[in-house]
Amino acid sequence: MVRLPLTPAEIERGQRLGALLRRARAGRSMLEVALAACVSPETLRKIESGRVATPAFPTIAAIADVLDLSLDAVWAEISQPERDVGPTASIPNTLERLAS
């Protein structure tokens, strides 16, 4: 099977997903979250760094579950282009929205 190159939109969405997971992980270690989600720490690291822009749905579902993130909230967050805000300005609001 030949995998088609990712589009710029898919790459950006993968970067937003990685940033979201890093913020949601907060003080928890990558190892702790990965093991709880039954994924390898390397897989989580690649997703968080944006190197895996289109991870499998079960992988994201498992990580989101461990981080207490709603899949609807994850999709809503990653499918919107970045807003013109500083890198930490939206973190409390984002986490607050995701927790509800």
PDB file of N, CA and C in Angstrom:
ATOM      1  N   MET A   1       0.846  -1.179   0.000  1.00  0.00           N
ATOM      2  CA  MET A   1       0.000   0.000   0.000  1.00  0.00           C
ATOM      3  C   MET A   1       0.891   1.241   0.000  1.00  0.00           C
ATOM      4  N   VAL A   2       0.574   2.156  -0.853  1.00  0.00           N
ATOM      5  CA  VAL A   2       1.322   3.404  -0.947  1.00  0.00           C
ATOM      6  C   VAL A   2       0.588   4.462  -0.137  1.00  0.00           C
ATOM      7  N   ARG A   3       1.314   5.112   0.735  1.00  0.00           N
ATOM      8  CA  ARG A   3       0.711   6.169   1.549  1.00  0.00           C
ATOM      9  C   ARG A   3       0.955   7.508   0.872  1.00  0.00           C
ATOM     10  N   LEU A   4      -0.110   8.250   0.674  1.00  0.00           N
ATOM     11  CA  LEU A   4       0.001   9.563   0.044  1.00  0.00           C
ATOM     12  C   LEU A   4       0.626  10.562   1.007  1.00  0.00           C
ATOM     13  N   PRO A   5       1.350  11.542   0.477  1.00  0.00           N
ATOM     14  CA  PRO A   5       1.931  12.575   1.355  1.00  0.00           C
ATOM     15  C   PRO A   5       0.829  13.340   2.081  1.00  0.00           C
ATOM     16  N   LEU A   6       1.148  13.782   3.272  1.00  0.00           N
ATOM     17  CA  LEU A   6       0.183  14.553   4.048  1.00  0.00           C
ATOM     18  C   LEU A   6       0.006  15.938   3.455  1.00  0.00           C
ATOM     19  N   THR A   7      -1.195  16.439   3.564  1.00  0.00           N
ATOM     20  CA  THR A   7      -1.462  17.803   3.111  1.00  0.00           C
ATOM     21  C   THR A   7      -0.976  18.773   4.184  1.00  0.00           C
ATOM     22  N   PRO A   8      -0.764  20.027   3.826  1.00  0.00           N
ATOM     23  CA  PRO A   8      -0.396  21.021   4.841  1.00  0.00           C
ATOM     24  C   PRO A   8      -1.431  21.103   5.965  1.00  0.00           C
ATOM     25  N   ALA A   9      -2.707  20.949   5.641  1.00  0.00           N
ATOM     26  CA  ALA A   9      -3.757  21.001   6.674  1.00  0.00           C
ATOM     27  C   ALA A   9      -3.621  19.829   7.642  1.00  0.00           C
ATOM     28  N   GLU A  10      -3.296  18.645   7.138  1.00  0.00           N
ATOM     29  CA  GLU A  10      -3.116  17.487   8.010  1.00  0.00           C
ATOM     30  C   GLU A  10      -1.900  17.665   8.918  1.00  0.00           C
ATOM     31  N   ILE A  11      -0.855  18.236   8.378  1.00  0.00           N
ATOM     32  CA  ILE A  11       0.352  18.490   9.172  1.00  0.00           C
ATOM     33  C   ILE A  11       0.051  19.483  10.287  1.00  0.00           C
ATOM     34  N   GLU A  12      -0.653  20.565   9.951  1.00  0.00           N
ATOM     35  CA  GLU A  12      -1.017  21.567  10.963  1.00  0.00           C
ATOM     36  C   GLU A  12      -1.922  20.970  12.031  1.00  0.00           C
ATOM     37  N   ARG A  13      -2.878  20.153  11.613  1.00  0.00           N
ATOM     38  CA  ARG A  13      -3.791  19.524  12.566  1.00  0.00           C
ATOM     39  C   ARG A  13      -3.006  18.598  13.496  1.00  0.00           C
ATOM     40  N   GLY A  14      -2.033  17.868  12.961  1.00  0.00           N
ATOM     41  CA  GLY A  14      -1.193  17.007  13.784  1.00  0.00           C
ATOM     42  C   GLY A  14      -0.381  17.806  14.793  1.00  0.00           C
ATOM     43  N   GLN A  15       0.107  18.971  14.384  1.00  0.00           N
ATOM     44  CA  GLN A  15       0.851  19.829  15.306  1.00  0.00           C
ATOM     45  C   GLN A  15      -0.054  20.366  16.407  1.00  0.00           C
ATOM     46  N   ARG A  16      -1.291  20.732  16.050  1.00  0.00           N
ATOM     47  CA  ARG A  16      -2.236  21.200  17.064  1.00  0.00           C
ATOM     48  C   ARG A  16      -2.602  20.079  18.035  1.00  0.00           C
ATOM     49  N   LEU A  17      -2.752  18.864  17.506  1.00  0.00           N
ATOM     50  CA  LEU A  17      -3.042  17.722  18.367  1.00  0.00           C
ATOM     51  C   LEU A  17      -1.904  17.502  19.358  1.00  0.00           C
ATOM     52  N   GLY A  18      -0.683  17.533  18.875  1.00  0.00           N
ATOM     53  CA  GLY A  18       0.470  17.346  19.748  1.00  0.00           C
ATOM     54  C   GLY A  18       0.540  18.389  20.837  1.00  0.00           C
ATOM     55  N   ALA A  19       0.313  19.640  20.461  1.00  0.00           N
ATOM     56  CA  ALA A  19       0.343  20.727  21.446  1.00  0.00           C
ATOM     57  C   ALA A  19      -0.771  20.556  22.477  1.00  0.00           C
ATOM     58  N   LEU A  20      -1.942  20.149  22.021  1.00  0.00           N
ATOM     59  CA  LEU A  20      -3.069  19.925  22.928  1.00  0.00           C
ATOM     60  C   LEU A  20      -2.751  18.823  23.936  1.00  0.00           C
ATOM     61  N   LEU A  21      -2.194  17.739  23.460  1.00  0.00           N
ATOM     62  CA  LEU A  21      -1.866  16.628  24.360  1.00  0.00           C
ATOM     63  C   LEU A  21      -0.779  17.017  25.359  1.00  0.00           C
ATOM     64  N   ARG A  22       0.212  17.778  24.916  1.00  0.00           N
ATOM     65  CA  ARG A  22       1.256  18.238  25.842  1.00  0.00           C
ATOM     66  C   ARG A  22       0.653  19.107  26.938  1.00  0.00           C
ATOM     67  N   ARG A  23      -0.233  20.035  26.548  1.00  0.00           N
ATOM     68  CA  ARG A  23      -0.871  20.907  27.545  1.00  0.00           C
ATOM     69  C   ARG A  23      -1.728  20.093  28.503  1.00  0.00           C
ATOM     70  N   ALA A  24      -2.492  19.161  27.972  1.00  0.00           N
ATOM     71  CA  ALA A  24      -3.390  18.366  28.808  1.00  0.00           C
ATOM     72  C   ALA A  24      -2.608  17.433  29.737  1.00  0.00           C
ATOM     73  N   ARG A  25      -1.451  16.987  29.286  1.00  0.00           N
ATOM     74  CA  ARG A  25      -0.621  16.111  30.118  1.00  0.00           C
ATOM     75  C   ARG A  25      -0.074  16.870  31.308  1.00  0.00           C
ATOM     76  N   ALA A  26       0.122  18.168  31.157  1.00  0.00           N
ATOM     77  CA  ALA A  26       0.593  19.068  32.221  1.00  0.00           C
ATOM     78  C   ALA A  26       1.773  18.476  32.964  1.00  0.00           C
ATOM     79  N   GLY A  27       1.639  18.197  34.249  1.00  0.00           N
ATOM     80  CA  GLY A  27       2.749  17.732  35.063  1.00  0.00           C
ATOM     81  C   GLY A  27       2.986  16.233  35.008  1.00  0.00           C
ATOM     82  N   ARG A  28       2.118  15.500  34.331  1.00  0.00           N
ATOM     83  CA  ARG A  28       2.297  14.047  34.249  1.00  0.00           C
ATOM     84  C   ARG A  28       3.415  13.715  33.268  1.00  0.00           C
ATOM     85  N   SER A  29       4.165  12.692  33.566  1.00  0.00           N
ATOM     86  CA  SER A  29       5.257  12.315  32.673  1.00  0.00           C
ATOM     87  C   SER A  29       4.713  11.638  31.416  1.00  0.00           C
ATOM     88  N   MET A  30       5.485  11.744  30.363  1.00  0.00           N
ATOM     89  CA  MET A  30       5.119  11.106  29.112  1.00  0.00           C
ATOM     90  C   MET A  30       5.028   9.590  29.312  1.00  0.00           C
ATOM     91  N   LEU A  31       5.946   9.028  30.081  1.00  0.00           N
ATOM     92  CA  LEU A  31       5.957   7.597  30.343  1.00  0.00           C
ATOM     93  C   LEU A  31       4.681   7.164  31.069  1.00  0.00           C
ATOM     94  N   GLU A  32       4.294   7.917  32.085  1.00  0.00           N
ATOM     95  CA  GLU A  32       3.094   7.594  32.855  1.00  0.00           C
ATOM     96  C   GLU A  32       1.853   7.581  31.964  1.00  0.00           C
ATOM     97  N   VAL A  33       1.703   8.609  31.148  1.00  0.00           N
ATOM     98  CA  VAL A  33       0.529   8.711  30.275  1.00  0.00           C
ATOM     99  C   VAL A  33       0.555   7.615  29.217  1.00  0.00           C
ATOM    100  N   ALA A  34       1.707   7.390  28.608  1.00  0.00           N
ATOM    101  CA  ALA A  34       1.812   6.372  27.564  1.00  0.00           C
ATOM    102  C   ALA A  34       1.470   4.987  28.105  1.00  0.00           C
ATOM    103  N   LEU A  35       2.030   4.644  29.245  1.00  0.00           N
ATOM    104  CA  LEU A  35       1.757   3.321  29.812  1.00  0.00           C
ATOM    105  C   LEU A  35       0.292   3.171  30.195  1.00  0.00           C
ATOM    106  N   ALA A  36      -0.305   4.216  30.746  1.00  0.00           N
ATOM    107  CA  ALA A  36      -1.725   4.156  31.114  1.00  0.00           C
ATOM    108  C   ALA A  36      -2.616   4.008  29.885  1.00  0.00           C
ATOM    109  N   ALA A  37      -2.173   4.567  28.754  1.00  0.00           N
ATOM    110  CA  ALA A  37      -2.944   4.488  27.509  1.00  0.00           C
ATOM    111  C   ALA A  37      -2.600   3.245  26.686  1.00  0.00           C
ATOM    112  N   CYS A  38      -1.648   2.452  27.174  1.00  0.00           N
ATOM    113  CA  CYS A  38      -1.197   1.241  26.466  1.00  0.00           C
ATOM    114  C   CYS A  38      -0.606   1.557  25.087  1.00  0.00           C
ATOM    115  N   VAL A  39       0.119   2.657  25.022  1.00  0.00           N
ATOM    116  CA  VAL A  39       0.886   2.996  23.819  1.00  0.00           C
ATOM    117  C   VAL A  39       2.338   3.164  24.245  1.00  0.00           C
ATOM    118  N   SER A  40       3.227   3.068  23.311  1.00  0.00           N
ATOM    119  CA  SER A  40       4.634   3.220  23.669  1.00  0.00           C
ATOM    120  C   SER A  40       4.946   4.698  23.937  1.00  0.00           C
ATOM    121  N   PRO A  41       5.893   4.948  24.823  1.00  0.00           N
ATOM    122  CA  PRO A  41       6.308   6.335  25.055  1.00  0.00           C
ATOM    123  C   PRO A  41       6.807   6.991  23.759  1.00  0.00           C
ATOM    124  N   GLU A  42       7.434   6.193  22.898  1.00  0.00           N
ATOM    125  CA  GLU A  42       7.921   6.718  21.613  1.00  0.00           C
ATOM    126  C   GLU A  42       6.757   7.178  20.739  1.00  0.00           C
ATOM    127  N   THR A  43       5.678   6.417  20.737  1.00  0.00           N
ATOM    128  CA  THR A  43       4.493   6.810  19.961  1.00  0.00           C
ATOM    129  C   THR A  43       3.928   8.117  20.493  1.00  0.00           C
ATOM    130  N   LEU A  44       3.793   8.223  21.796  1.00  0.00           N
ATOM    131  CA  LEU A  44       3.276   9.464  22.376  1.00  0.00           C
ATOM    132  C   LEU A  44       4.202  10.628  22.075  1.00  0.00           C
ATOM    133  N   ARG A  45       5.509  10.400  22.170  1.00  0.00           N
ATOM    134  CA  ARG A  45       6.474  11.466  21.867  1.00  0.00           C
ATOM    135  C   ARG A  45       6.333  11.931  20.418  1.00  0.00           C
ATOM    136  N   LYS A  46       6.174  10.996  19.498  1.00  0.00           N
ATOM    137  CA  LYS A  46       6.034  11.349  18.080  1.00  0.00           C
ATOM    138  C   LYS A  46       4.731  12.114  17.835  1.00  0.00           C
ATOM    139  N   ILE A  47       3.665  11.719  18.490  1.00  0.00           N
ATOM    140  CA  ILE A  47       2.390  12.432  18.327  1.00  0.00           C
ATOM    141  C   ILE A  47       2.513  13.839  18.891  1.00  0.00           C
ATOM    142  N   GLU A  48       3.069  13.953  20.098  1.00  0.00           N
ATOM    143  CA  GLU A  48       3.202  15.273  20.730  1.00  0.00           C
ATOM    144  C   GLU A  48       4.129  16.200  19.946  1.00  0.00           C
ATOM    145  N   SER A  49       5.119  15.642  19.278  1.00  0.00           N
ATOM    146  CA  SER A  49       6.058  16.477  18.517  1.00  0.00           C
ATOM    147  C   SER A  49       5.543  16.780  17.115  1.00  0.00           C
ATOM    148  N   GLY A  50       4.442  16.148  16.717  1.00  0.00           N
ATOM    149  CA  GLY A  50       3.888  16.378  15.388  1.00  0.00           C
ATOM    150  C   GLY A  50       4.499  15.497  14.316  1.00  0.00           C
ATOM    151  N   ARG A  51       5.394  14.585  14.690  1.00  0.00           N
ATOM    152  CA  ARG A  51       6.023  13.693  13.714  1.00  0.00           C
ATOM    153  C   ARG A  51       5.041  12.656  13.188  1.00  0.00           C
ATOM    154  N   VAL A  52       4.032  12.317  13.986  1.00  0.00           N
ATOM    155  CA  VAL A  52       2.947  11.452  13.527  1.00  0.00           C
ATOM    156  C   VAL A  52       1.717  12.344  13.489  1.00  0.00           C
ATOM    157  N   ALA A  53       1.444  12.874  12.312  1.00  0.00           N
ATOM    158  CA  ALA A  53       0.365  13.859  12.183  1.00  0.00           C
ATOM    159  C   ALA A  53      -1.017  13.219  12.104  1.00  0.00           C
ATOM    160  N   THR A  54      -1.079  11.953  11.725  1.00  0.00           N
ATOM    161  CA  THR A  54      -2.371  11.282  11.592  1.00  0.00           C
ATOM    162  C   THR A  54      -2.352   9.947  12.341  1.00  0.00           C
ATOM    163  N   PRO A  55      -2.303  10.009  13.673  1.00  0.00           N
ATOM    164  CA  PRO A  55      -2.290   8.764  14.448  1.00  0.00           C
ATOM    165  C   PRO A  55      -3.616   8.023  14.322  1.00  0.00           C
ATOM    166  N   ALA A  56      -3.571   6.745  14.605  1.00  0.00           N
ATOM    167  CA  ALA A  56      -4.776   5.920  14.528  1.00  0.00           C
ATOM    168  C   ALA A  56      -5.804   6.374  15.568  1.00  0.00           C
ATOM    169  N   PHE A  57      -7.063   6.258  15.211  1.00  0.00           N
ATOM    170  CA  PHE A  57      -8.134   6.684  16.107  1.00  0.00           C
ATOM    171  C   PHE A  57      -8.074   5.995  17.472  1.00  0.00           C
ATOM    172  N   PRO A  58      -7.886   4.656  17.523  1.00  0.00           N
ATOM    173  CA  PRO A  58      -7.821   4.022  18.853  1.00  0.00           C
ATOM    174  C   PRO A  58      -6.684   4.563  19.720  1.00  0.00           C
ATOM    175  N   THR A  59      -5.601   4.958  19.094  1.00  0.00           N
ATOM    176  CA  THR A  59      -4.478   5.526  19.844  1.00  0.00           C
ATOM    177  C   THR A  59      -4.881   6.850  20.474  1.00  0.00           C
ATOM    178  N   ILE A  60      -5.498   7.710  19.686  1.00  0.00           N
ATOM    179  CA  ILE A  60      -5.934   9.013  20.206  1.00  0.00           C
ATOM    180  C   ILE A  60      -7.024   8.819  21.259  1.00  0.00           C
ATOM    181  N   ALA A  61      -7.939   7.890  21.019  1.00  0.00           N
ATOM    182  CA  ALA A  61      -9.008   7.639  21.991  1.00  0.00           C
ATOM    183  C   ALA A  61      -8.429   7.182  23.323  1.00  0.00           C
ATOM    184  N   ALA A  62      -7.428   6.309  23.294  1.00  0.00           N
ATOM    185  CA  ALA A  62      -6.818   5.813  24.534  1.00  0.00           C
ATOM    186  C   ALA A  62      -6.091   6.931  25.278  1.00  0.00           C
ATOM    187  N   ILE A  63      -5.344   7.748  24.541  1.00  0.00           N
ATOM    188  CA  ILE A  63      -4.613   8.857  25.174  1.00  0.00           C
ATOM    189  C   ILE A  63      -5.594   9.876  25.737  1.00  0.00           C
ATOM    190  N   ALA A  64      -6.618  10.213  24.960  1.00  0.00           N
ATOM    191  CA  ALA A  64      -7.613  11.178  25.418  1.00  0.00           C
ATOM    192  C   ALA A  64      -8.306  10.678  26.683  1.00  0.00           C
ATOM    193  N   ASP A  65      -8.602   9.392  26.738  1.00  0.00           N
ATOM    194  CA  ASP A  65      -9.254   8.813  27.918  1.00  0.00           C
ATOM    195  C   ASP A  65      -8.369   8.972  29.156  1.00  0.00           C
ATOM    196  N   VAL A  66      -7.093   8.675  29.018  1.00  0.00           N
ATOM    197  CA  VAL A  66      -6.164   8.807  30.143  1.00  0.00           C
ATOM    198  C   VAL A  66      -6.059  10.262  30.603  1.00  0.00           C
ATOM    199  N   LEU A  67      -6.131  11.188  29.652  1.00  0.00           N
ATOM    200  CA  LEU A  67      -6.009  12.614  29.976  1.00  0.00           C
ATOM    201  C   LEU A  67      -7.352  13.256  30.311  1.00  0.00           C
ATOM    202  N   ASP A  68      -8.422  12.444  30.372  1.00  0.00           N
ATOM    203  CA  ASP A  68      -9.780  12.940  30.650  1.00  0.00           C
ATOM    204  C   ASP A  68     -10.223  13.990  29.640  1.00  0.00           C
ATOM    205  N   LEU A  69      -9.900  13.754  28.378  1.00  0.00           N
ATOM    206  CA  LEU A  69     -10.307  14.654  27.302  1.00  0.00           C
ATOM    207  C   LEU A  69     -11.457  14.022  26.526  1.00  0.00           C
ATOM    208  N   SER A  70     -12.453  14.800  26.243  1.00  0.00           N
ATOM    209  CA  SER A  70     -13.550  14.363  25.387  1.00  0.00           C
ATOM    210  C   SER A  70     -13.053  14.333  23.937  1.00  0.00           C
ATOM    211  N   LEU A  71     -13.403  13.288  23.198  1.00  0.00           N
ATOM    212  CA  LEU A  71     -12.996  13.229  21.795  1.00  0.00           C
ATOM    213  C   LEU A  71     -13.633  14.355  20.988  1.00  0.00           C
ATOM    214  N   ASP A  72     -14.848  14.746  21.353  1.00  0.00           N
ATOM    215  CA  ASP A  72     -15.489  15.881  20.680  1.00  0.00           C
ATOM    216  C   ASP A  72     -14.681  17.153  20.899  1.00  0.00           C
ATOM    217  N   ALA A  73     -14.225  17.345  22.126  1.00  0.00           N
ATOM    218  CA  ALA A  73     -13.439  18.536  22.439  1.00  0.00           C
ATOM    219  C   ALA A  73     -12.088  18.499  21.738  1.00  0.00           C
ATOM    220  N   VAL A  74     -11.471  17.312  21.667  1.00  0.00           N
ATOM    221  CA  VAL A  74     -10.193  17.189  20.960  1.00  0.00           C
ATOM    222  C   VAL A  74     -10.387  17.569  19.501  1.00  0.00           C
ATOM    223  N   TRP A  75     -11.421  17.028  18.872  1.00  0.00           N
ATOM    224  CA  TRP A  75     -11.652  17.324  17.455  1.00  0.00           C
ATOM    225  C   TRP A  75     -11.931  18.817  17.248  1.00  0.00           C
ATOM    226  N   ALA A  76     -12.750  19.378  18.100  1.00  0.00           N
ATOM    227  CA  ALA A  76     -13.073  20.806  17.969  1.00  0.00           C
ATOM    228  C   ALA A  76     -11.809  21.654  18.090  1.00  0.00           C
ATOM    229  N   GLU A  77     -10.930  21.276  18.995  1.00  0.00           N
ATOM    230  CA  GLU A  77      -9.705  22.041  19.220  1.00  0.00           C
ATOM    231  C   GLU A  77      -8.722  21.906  18.060  1.00  0.00           C
ATOM    232  N   ILE A  78      -8.544  20.713  17.540  1.00  0.00           N
ATOM    233  CA  ILE A  78      -7.520  20.522  16.513  1.00  0.00           C
ATOM    234  C   ILE A  78      -7.997  20.875  15.116  1.00  0.00           C
ATOM    235  N   SER A  79      -9.289  20.970  14.916  1.00  0.00           N
ATOM    236  CA  SER A  79      -9.782  21.259  13.568  1.00  0.00           C
ATOM    237  C   SER A  79      -9.900  22.759  13.296  1.00  0.00           C
ATOM    238  N   GLN A  80      -9.621  23.569  14.297  1.00  0.00           N
ATOM    239  CA  GLN A  80      -9.656  25.022  14.116  1.00  0.00           C
ATOM    240  C   GLN A  80      -8.249  25.552  13.927  1.00  0.00           C
ATOM    241  N   PRO A  81      -8.046  26.464  12.972  1.00  0.00           N
ATOM    242  CA  PRO A  81      -6.718  27.064  12.826  1.00  0.00           C
ATOM    243  C   PRO A  81      -6.319  27.804  14.086  1.00  0.00           C
ATOM    244  N   GLU A  82      -5.021  27.886  14.312  1.00  0.00           N
ATOM    245  CA  GLU A  82      -4.506  28.597  15.484  1.00  0.00           C
ATOM    246  C   GLU A  82      -4.987  30.037  15.481  1.00  0.00           C
ATOM    247  N   ARG A  83      -5.275  30.502  16.671  1.00  0.00           N
ATOM    248  CA  ARG A  83      -5.652  31.907  16.833  1.00  0.00           C
ATOM    249  C   ARG A  83      -4.383  32.705  17.077  1.00  0.00           C
ATOM    250  N   ASP A  84      -4.445  33.981  16.844  1.00  0.00           N
ATOM    251  CA  ASP A  84      -3.284  34.839  17.064  1.00  0.00           C
ATOM    252  C   ASP A  84      -3.176  35.197  18.534  1.00  0.00           C
ATOM    253  N   VAL A  85      -2.721  34.241  19.326  1.00  0.00           N
ATOM    254  CA  VAL A  85      -2.511  34.473  20.755  1.00  0.00           C
ATOM    255  C   VAL A  85      -1.131  33.963  21.102  1.00  0.00           C
ATOM    256  N   GLY A  86      -0.661  34.374  22.261  1.00  0.00           N
ATOM    257  CA  GLY A  86       0.632  33.898  22.728  1.00  0.00           C
ATOM    258  C   GLY A  86       0.576  32.416  23.025  1.00  0.00           C
ATOM    259  N   PRO A  87       1.723  31.772  23.164  1.00  0.00           N
ATOM    260  CA  PRO A  87       1.744  30.332  23.332  1.00  0.00           C
ATOM    261  C   PRO A  87       1.079  29.822  24.601  1.00  0.00           C
ATOM    262  N   THR A  88       0.965  30.638  25.629  1.00  0.00           N
ATOM    263  CA  THR A  88       0.345  30.155  26.864  1.00  0.00           C
ATOM    264  C   THR A  88      -0.956  30.874  27.189  1.00  0.00           C
ATOM    265  N   ALA A  89      -1.350  31.827  26.388  1.00  0.00           N
ATOM    266  CA  ALA A  89      -2.529  32.629  26.723  1.00  0.00           C
ATOM    267  C   ALA A  89      -3.806  31.805  26.752  1.00  0.00           C
ATOM    268  N   SER A  90      -3.924  30.795  25.882  1.00  0.00           N
ATOM    269  CA  SER A  90      -5.182  30.061  25.807  1.00  0.00           C
ATOM    270  C   SER A  90      -5.171  28.760  26.593  1.00  0.00           C
ATOM    271  N   ILE A  91      -4.105  28.419  27.271  1.00  0.00           N
ATOM    272  CA  ILE A  91      -4.034  27.132  27.962  1.00  0.00           C
ATOM    273  C   ILE A  91      -5.111  26.971  29.027  1.00  0.00           C
ATOM    274  N   PRO A  92      -5.303  27.900  29.945  1.00  0.00           N
ATOM    275  CA  PRO A  92      -6.369  27.668  30.945  1.00  0.00           C
ATOM    276  C   PRO A  92      -7.740  27.522  30.321  1.00  0.00           C
ATOM    277  N   ASN A  93      -8.060  28.365  29.341  1.00  0.00           N
ATOM    278  CA  ASN A  93      -9.377  28.284  28.699  1.00  0.00           C
ATOM    279  C   ASN A  93      -9.532  26.969  27.954  1.00  0.00           C
ATOM    280  N   THR A  94      -8.485  26.531  27.266  1.00  0.00           N
ATOM    281  CA  THR A  94      -8.549  25.278  26.523  1.00  0.00           C
ATOM    282  C   THR A  94      -8.762  24.113  27.455  1.00  0.00           C
ATOM    283  N   LEU A  95      -7.982  24.044  28.521  1.00  0.00           N
ATOM    284  CA  LEU A  95      -8.127  22.933  29.449  1.00  0.00           C
ATOM    285  C   LEU A  95      -9.485  22.965  30.146  1.00  0.00           C
ATOM    286  N   GLU A  96      -9.969  24.153  30.432  1.00  0.00           N
ATOM    287  CA  GLU A  96     -11.277  24.274  31.067  1.00  0.00           C
ATOM    288  C   GLU A  96     -12.366  23.738  30.133  1.00  0.00           C
ATOM    289  N   ARG A  97     -12.286  24.095  28.836  1.00  0.00           N
ATOM    290  CA  ARG A  97     -13.264  23.611  27.868  1.00  0.00           C
ATOM    291  C   ARG A  97     -13.164  22.108  27.726  1.00  0.00           C
ATOM    292  N   LEU A  98     -11.936  21.573  27.712  1.00  0.00           N
ATOM    293  CA  LEU A  98     -11.748  20.145  27.502  1.00  0.00           C
ATOM    294  C   LEU A  98     -12.203  19.321  28.688  1.00  0.00           C
ATOM    295  N   ALA A  99     -12.104  19.879  29.862  1.00  0.00           N
ATOM    296  CA  ALA A  99     -12.484  19.146  31.068  1.00  0.00           C
ATOM    297  C   ALA A  99     -13.995  19.019  31.202  1.00  0.00           C
ATOM    298  N   SER A 100     -14.726  19.902  30.565  1.00  0.00           N
ATOM    299  CA  SER A 100     -16.189  19.873  30.723  1.00  0.00           C
ATOM    300  C   SER A 100     -16.853  18.891  29.790  1.00  0.00           C
TER     301      SER A 100
END
